[in-house]
N, C-alpha and C. Protein backbone atom coordinates (compact mmCIF):
# COMPACT_ATOMS: atom_id res chain seq x y z
N MET A 1 0.74 -42.18 -42.58
CA MET A 1 0.88 -42.79 -41.27
C MET A 1 -0.13 -43.92 -41.09
N TRP A 2 -1.36 -43.73 -41.61
CA TRP A 2 -2.39 -44.76 -41.44
C TRP A 2 -2.02 -46.04 -42.18
N GLN A 3 -1.32 -45.89 -43.37
CA GLN A 3 -0.93 -47.09 -44.10
C GLN A 3 0.10 -47.89 -43.30
N LYS A 4 1.01 -47.19 -42.65
CA LYS A 4 2.01 -47.88 -41.83
C LYS A 4 1.34 -48.57 -40.65
N LEU A 5 0.34 -47.90 -40.07
CA LEU A 5 -0.38 -48.48 -38.94
C LEU A 5 -1.17 -49.71 -39.37
N GLU A 6 -1.73 -49.69 -40.58
CA GLU A 6 -2.48 -50.84 -41.07
C GLU A 6 -1.56 -52.02 -41.34
N ARG A 7 -0.32 -51.75 -41.74
CA ARG A 7 0.62 -52.83 -42.03
C ARG A 7 1.22 -53.42 -40.75
N THR A 8 1.21 -52.66 -39.68
CA THR A 8 1.79 -53.14 -38.43
C THR A 8 0.96 -54.29 -37.89
N ASP A 9 1.63 -55.28 -37.38
CA ASP A 9 0.94 -56.44 -36.81
C ASP A 9 0.09 -55.98 -35.63
N ARG A 10 -1.18 -56.24 -35.68
CA ARG A 10 -2.10 -55.78 -34.62
C ARG A 10 -1.80 -56.42 -33.28
N THR A 11 -1.25 -57.60 -33.27
CA THR A 11 -0.90 -58.25 -32.01
C THR A 11 0.21 -57.47 -31.32
N ARG A 12 1.22 -57.07 -32.08
CA ARG A 12 2.31 -56.29 -31.51
C ARG A 12 1.79 -54.95 -31.00
N LEU A 13 0.90 -54.35 -31.75
CA LEU A 13 0.33 -53.08 -31.34
C LEU A 13 -0.50 -53.24 -30.05
N GLY A 14 -1.24 -54.33 -29.94
CA GLY A 14 -2.01 -54.60 -28.73
C GLY A 14 -1.13 -54.84 -27.52
N VAL A 15 -0.07 -55.60 -27.71
CA VAL A 15 0.86 -55.87 -26.61
C VAL A 15 1.54 -54.58 -26.16
N ALA A 16 1.90 -53.74 -27.12
CA ALA A 16 2.53 -52.46 -26.79
C ALA A 16 1.54 -51.58 -26.02
N GLY A 17 0.28 -51.59 -26.41
CA GLY A 17 -0.74 -50.80 -25.71
C GLY A 17 -0.95 -51.29 -24.28
N ILE A 18 -1.00 -52.59 -24.10
CA ILE A 18 -1.16 -53.16 -22.76
C ILE A 18 0.06 -52.85 -21.90
N GLY A 19 1.24 -52.97 -22.50
CA GLY A 19 2.47 -52.65 -21.77
C GLY A 19 2.49 -51.19 -21.35
N LEU A 20 2.08 -50.29 -22.22
CA LEU A 20 2.02 -48.87 -21.89
C LEU A 20 1.01 -48.61 -20.79
N ALA A 21 -0.12 -49.29 -20.83
CA ALA A 21 -1.14 -49.13 -19.79
C ALA A 21 -0.60 -49.60 -18.43
N ILE A 22 0.14 -50.68 -18.41
CA ILE A 22 0.71 -51.19 -17.16
C ILE A 22 1.73 -50.20 -16.60
N VAL A 23 2.60 -49.68 -17.47
CA VAL A 23 3.61 -48.71 -17.03
C VAL A 23 2.93 -47.46 -16.49
N LEU A 24 1.90 -47.00 -17.16
CA LEU A 24 1.17 -45.81 -16.71
C LEU A 24 0.49 -46.06 -15.36
N PHE A 25 -0.11 -47.25 -15.19
CA PHE A 25 -0.76 -47.61 -13.94
C PHE A 25 0.23 -47.61 -12.78
N VAL A 26 1.39 -48.22 -13.00
CA VAL A 26 2.41 -48.27 -11.95
C VAL A 26 2.93 -46.87 -11.63
N ALA A 27 3.14 -46.06 -12.67
CA ALA A 27 3.65 -44.71 -12.45
C ALA A 27 2.67 -43.86 -11.66
N VAL A 28 1.39 -43.96 -11.97
CA VAL A 28 0.38 -43.18 -11.24
C VAL A 28 0.31 -43.64 -9.79
N ASN A 29 0.39 -44.94 -9.55
CA ASN A 29 0.36 -45.45 -8.17
C ASN A 29 1.59 -45.03 -7.38
N LEU A 30 2.75 -45.06 -8.00
CA LEU A 30 3.97 -44.63 -7.30
C LEU A 30 3.92 -43.14 -6.98
N LEU A 31 3.50 -42.34 -7.94
CA LEU A 31 3.42 -40.90 -7.70
C LEU A 31 2.39 -40.57 -6.63
N SER A 32 1.23 -41.18 -6.69
CA SER A 32 0.22 -40.89 -5.68
C SER A 32 0.65 -41.39 -4.31
N GLY A 33 1.39 -42.48 -4.26
CA GLY A 33 1.87 -43.00 -2.99
C GLY A 33 2.90 -42.10 -2.33
N THR A 34 3.69 -41.41 -3.14
CA THR A 34 4.70 -40.53 -2.57
C THR A 34 4.20 -39.11 -2.36
N LEU A 35 3.33 -38.63 -3.21
CA LEU A 35 2.87 -37.25 -3.12
C LEU A 35 1.68 -37.07 -2.18
N LEU A 36 0.89 -38.10 -2.00
CA LEU A 36 -0.33 -37.97 -1.21
C LEU A 36 -0.25 -38.75 0.10
N THR A 37 0.91 -38.78 0.72
CA THR A 37 1.06 -39.58 1.94
C THR A 37 0.29 -39.01 3.12
N SER A 38 0.13 -37.70 3.20
CA SER A 38 -0.57 -37.12 4.34
C SER A 38 -2.05 -36.87 4.05
N THR A 39 -2.50 -37.22 2.89
CA THR A 39 -3.89 -36.99 2.52
C THR A 39 -4.75 -38.16 2.98
N ARG A 40 -5.80 -37.85 3.71
CA ARG A 40 -6.73 -38.88 4.18
C ARG A 40 -8.14 -38.45 3.81
N LEU A 41 -8.99 -39.42 3.55
CA LEU A 41 -10.36 -39.14 3.17
C LEU A 41 -11.27 -40.15 3.84
N ASP A 42 -12.22 -39.65 4.63
CA ASP A 42 -13.17 -40.52 5.32
C ASP A 42 -14.47 -40.53 4.52
N LEU A 43 -14.73 -41.62 3.83
CA LEU A 43 -15.93 -41.75 3.02
C LEU A 43 -17.02 -42.55 3.72
N ALA A 44 -16.83 -42.83 5.01
CA ALA A 44 -17.82 -43.59 5.77
C ALA A 44 -19.06 -42.73 6.02
N ASP A 45 -20.15 -43.39 6.29
CA ASP A 45 -21.41 -42.71 6.56
C ASP A 45 -21.28 -41.86 7.82
N ASP A 46 -21.67 -40.62 7.76
CA ASP A 46 -21.65 -39.67 8.89
C ASP A 46 -20.25 -39.51 9.49
N GLN A 47 -19.22 -39.56 8.66
CA GLN A 47 -17.83 -39.36 9.11
C GLN A 47 -17.50 -40.30 10.28
N LEU A 48 -17.87 -41.56 10.17
CA LEU A 48 -17.75 -42.54 11.23
C LEU A 48 -16.32 -42.70 11.75
N TYR A 49 -15.32 -42.62 10.86
CA TYR A 49 -13.95 -42.87 11.28
C TYR A 49 -13.13 -41.59 11.43
N THR A 50 -13.79 -40.45 11.44
CA THR A 50 -13.11 -39.18 11.64
C THR A 50 -13.04 -38.88 13.14
N VAL A 51 -11.87 -38.44 13.60
CA VAL A 51 -11.69 -38.11 15.00
C VAL A 51 -12.33 -36.76 15.28
N SER A 52 -13.19 -36.71 16.29
CA SER A 52 -13.90 -35.47 16.62
C SER A 52 -12.96 -34.49 17.31
N GLU A 53 -13.38 -33.23 17.37
CA GLU A 53 -12.57 -32.19 18.03
C GLU A 53 -12.40 -32.49 19.52
N GLY A 54 -13.44 -33.00 20.18
CA GLY A 54 -13.35 -33.35 21.60
C GLY A 54 -12.30 -34.42 21.85
N THR A 55 -12.27 -35.43 20.97
CA THR A 55 -11.27 -36.49 21.10
C THR A 55 -9.86 -35.94 20.89
N LYS A 56 -9.72 -35.05 19.93
CA LYS A 56 -8.41 -34.44 19.69
C LYS A 56 -7.94 -33.65 20.91
N GLN A 57 -8.85 -32.96 21.58
CA GLN A 57 -8.49 -32.20 22.77
C GLN A 57 -8.08 -33.12 23.91
N VAL A 58 -8.80 -34.21 24.10
CA VAL A 58 -8.46 -35.16 25.16
C VAL A 58 -7.09 -35.78 24.88
N LEU A 59 -6.84 -36.17 23.64
CA LEU A 59 -5.55 -36.77 23.29
C LEU A 59 -4.40 -35.77 23.44
N ALA A 60 -4.65 -34.52 23.13
CA ALA A 60 -3.62 -33.50 23.26
C ALA A 60 -3.29 -33.23 24.73
N ALA A 61 -4.25 -33.46 25.63
CA ALA A 61 -4.05 -33.19 27.05
C ALA A 61 -3.27 -34.30 27.76
N ILE A 62 -3.12 -35.46 27.14
CA ILE A 62 -2.39 -36.56 27.76
C ILE A 62 -0.90 -36.22 27.75
N GLU A 63 -0.29 -36.27 28.92
CA GLU A 63 1.11 -35.86 29.04
C GLU A 63 2.10 -37.02 28.91
N GLU A 64 1.65 -38.23 29.12
CA GLU A 64 2.56 -39.36 29.05
C GLU A 64 2.33 -40.13 27.75
N PRO A 65 3.33 -40.87 27.30
CA PRO A 65 3.16 -41.65 26.06
C PRO A 65 2.17 -42.79 26.26
N VAL A 66 1.46 -43.12 25.22
CA VAL A 66 0.47 -44.19 25.26
C VAL A 66 0.94 -45.31 24.34
N ASP A 67 0.98 -46.54 24.86
CA ASP A 67 1.35 -47.71 24.06
C ASP A 67 0.07 -48.44 23.66
N LEU A 68 -0.06 -48.72 22.37
CA LEU A 68 -1.22 -49.46 21.88
C LEU A 68 -0.76 -50.84 21.48
N ARG A 69 -1.54 -51.84 21.89
CA ARG A 69 -1.22 -53.23 21.55
C ARG A 69 -2.44 -53.86 20.94
N SER A 70 -2.19 -54.69 19.94
CA SER A 70 -3.27 -55.39 19.28
C SER A 70 -3.69 -56.59 20.10
N THR A 71 -4.99 -56.88 20.14
CA THR A 71 -5.47 -58.05 20.87
C THR A 71 -5.61 -59.25 19.96
N THR A 72 -5.40 -59.05 18.67
CA THR A 72 -5.48 -60.18 17.74
C THR A 72 -4.13 -60.86 17.68
N PRO A 73 -4.12 -62.17 17.61
CA PRO A 73 -2.84 -62.89 17.55
C PRO A 73 -2.12 -62.63 16.24
N THR A 74 -0.82 -62.54 16.31
CA THR A 74 -0.01 -62.34 15.10
C THR A 74 0.47 -63.69 14.61
N ARG A 75 0.71 -63.77 13.34
CA ARG A 75 1.14 -65.05 12.74
C ARG A 75 2.59 -65.02 12.44
């Protein structure tokens, strides 16, 4: 097998390796995008972007729907 590998054009082998790496990268991203949709991770200092229990209770107590609008202009 090693003799066949030595005879193979290294450029073709390199291109095949890069192509396989790209396919693997896309496959991992697609799988993680579909399987981990509800997974969230707050890596900010002191859980800065995590909603506290008090905030969750206040939001749960609101009986009417809340509309959020962005103040930044859209393009």
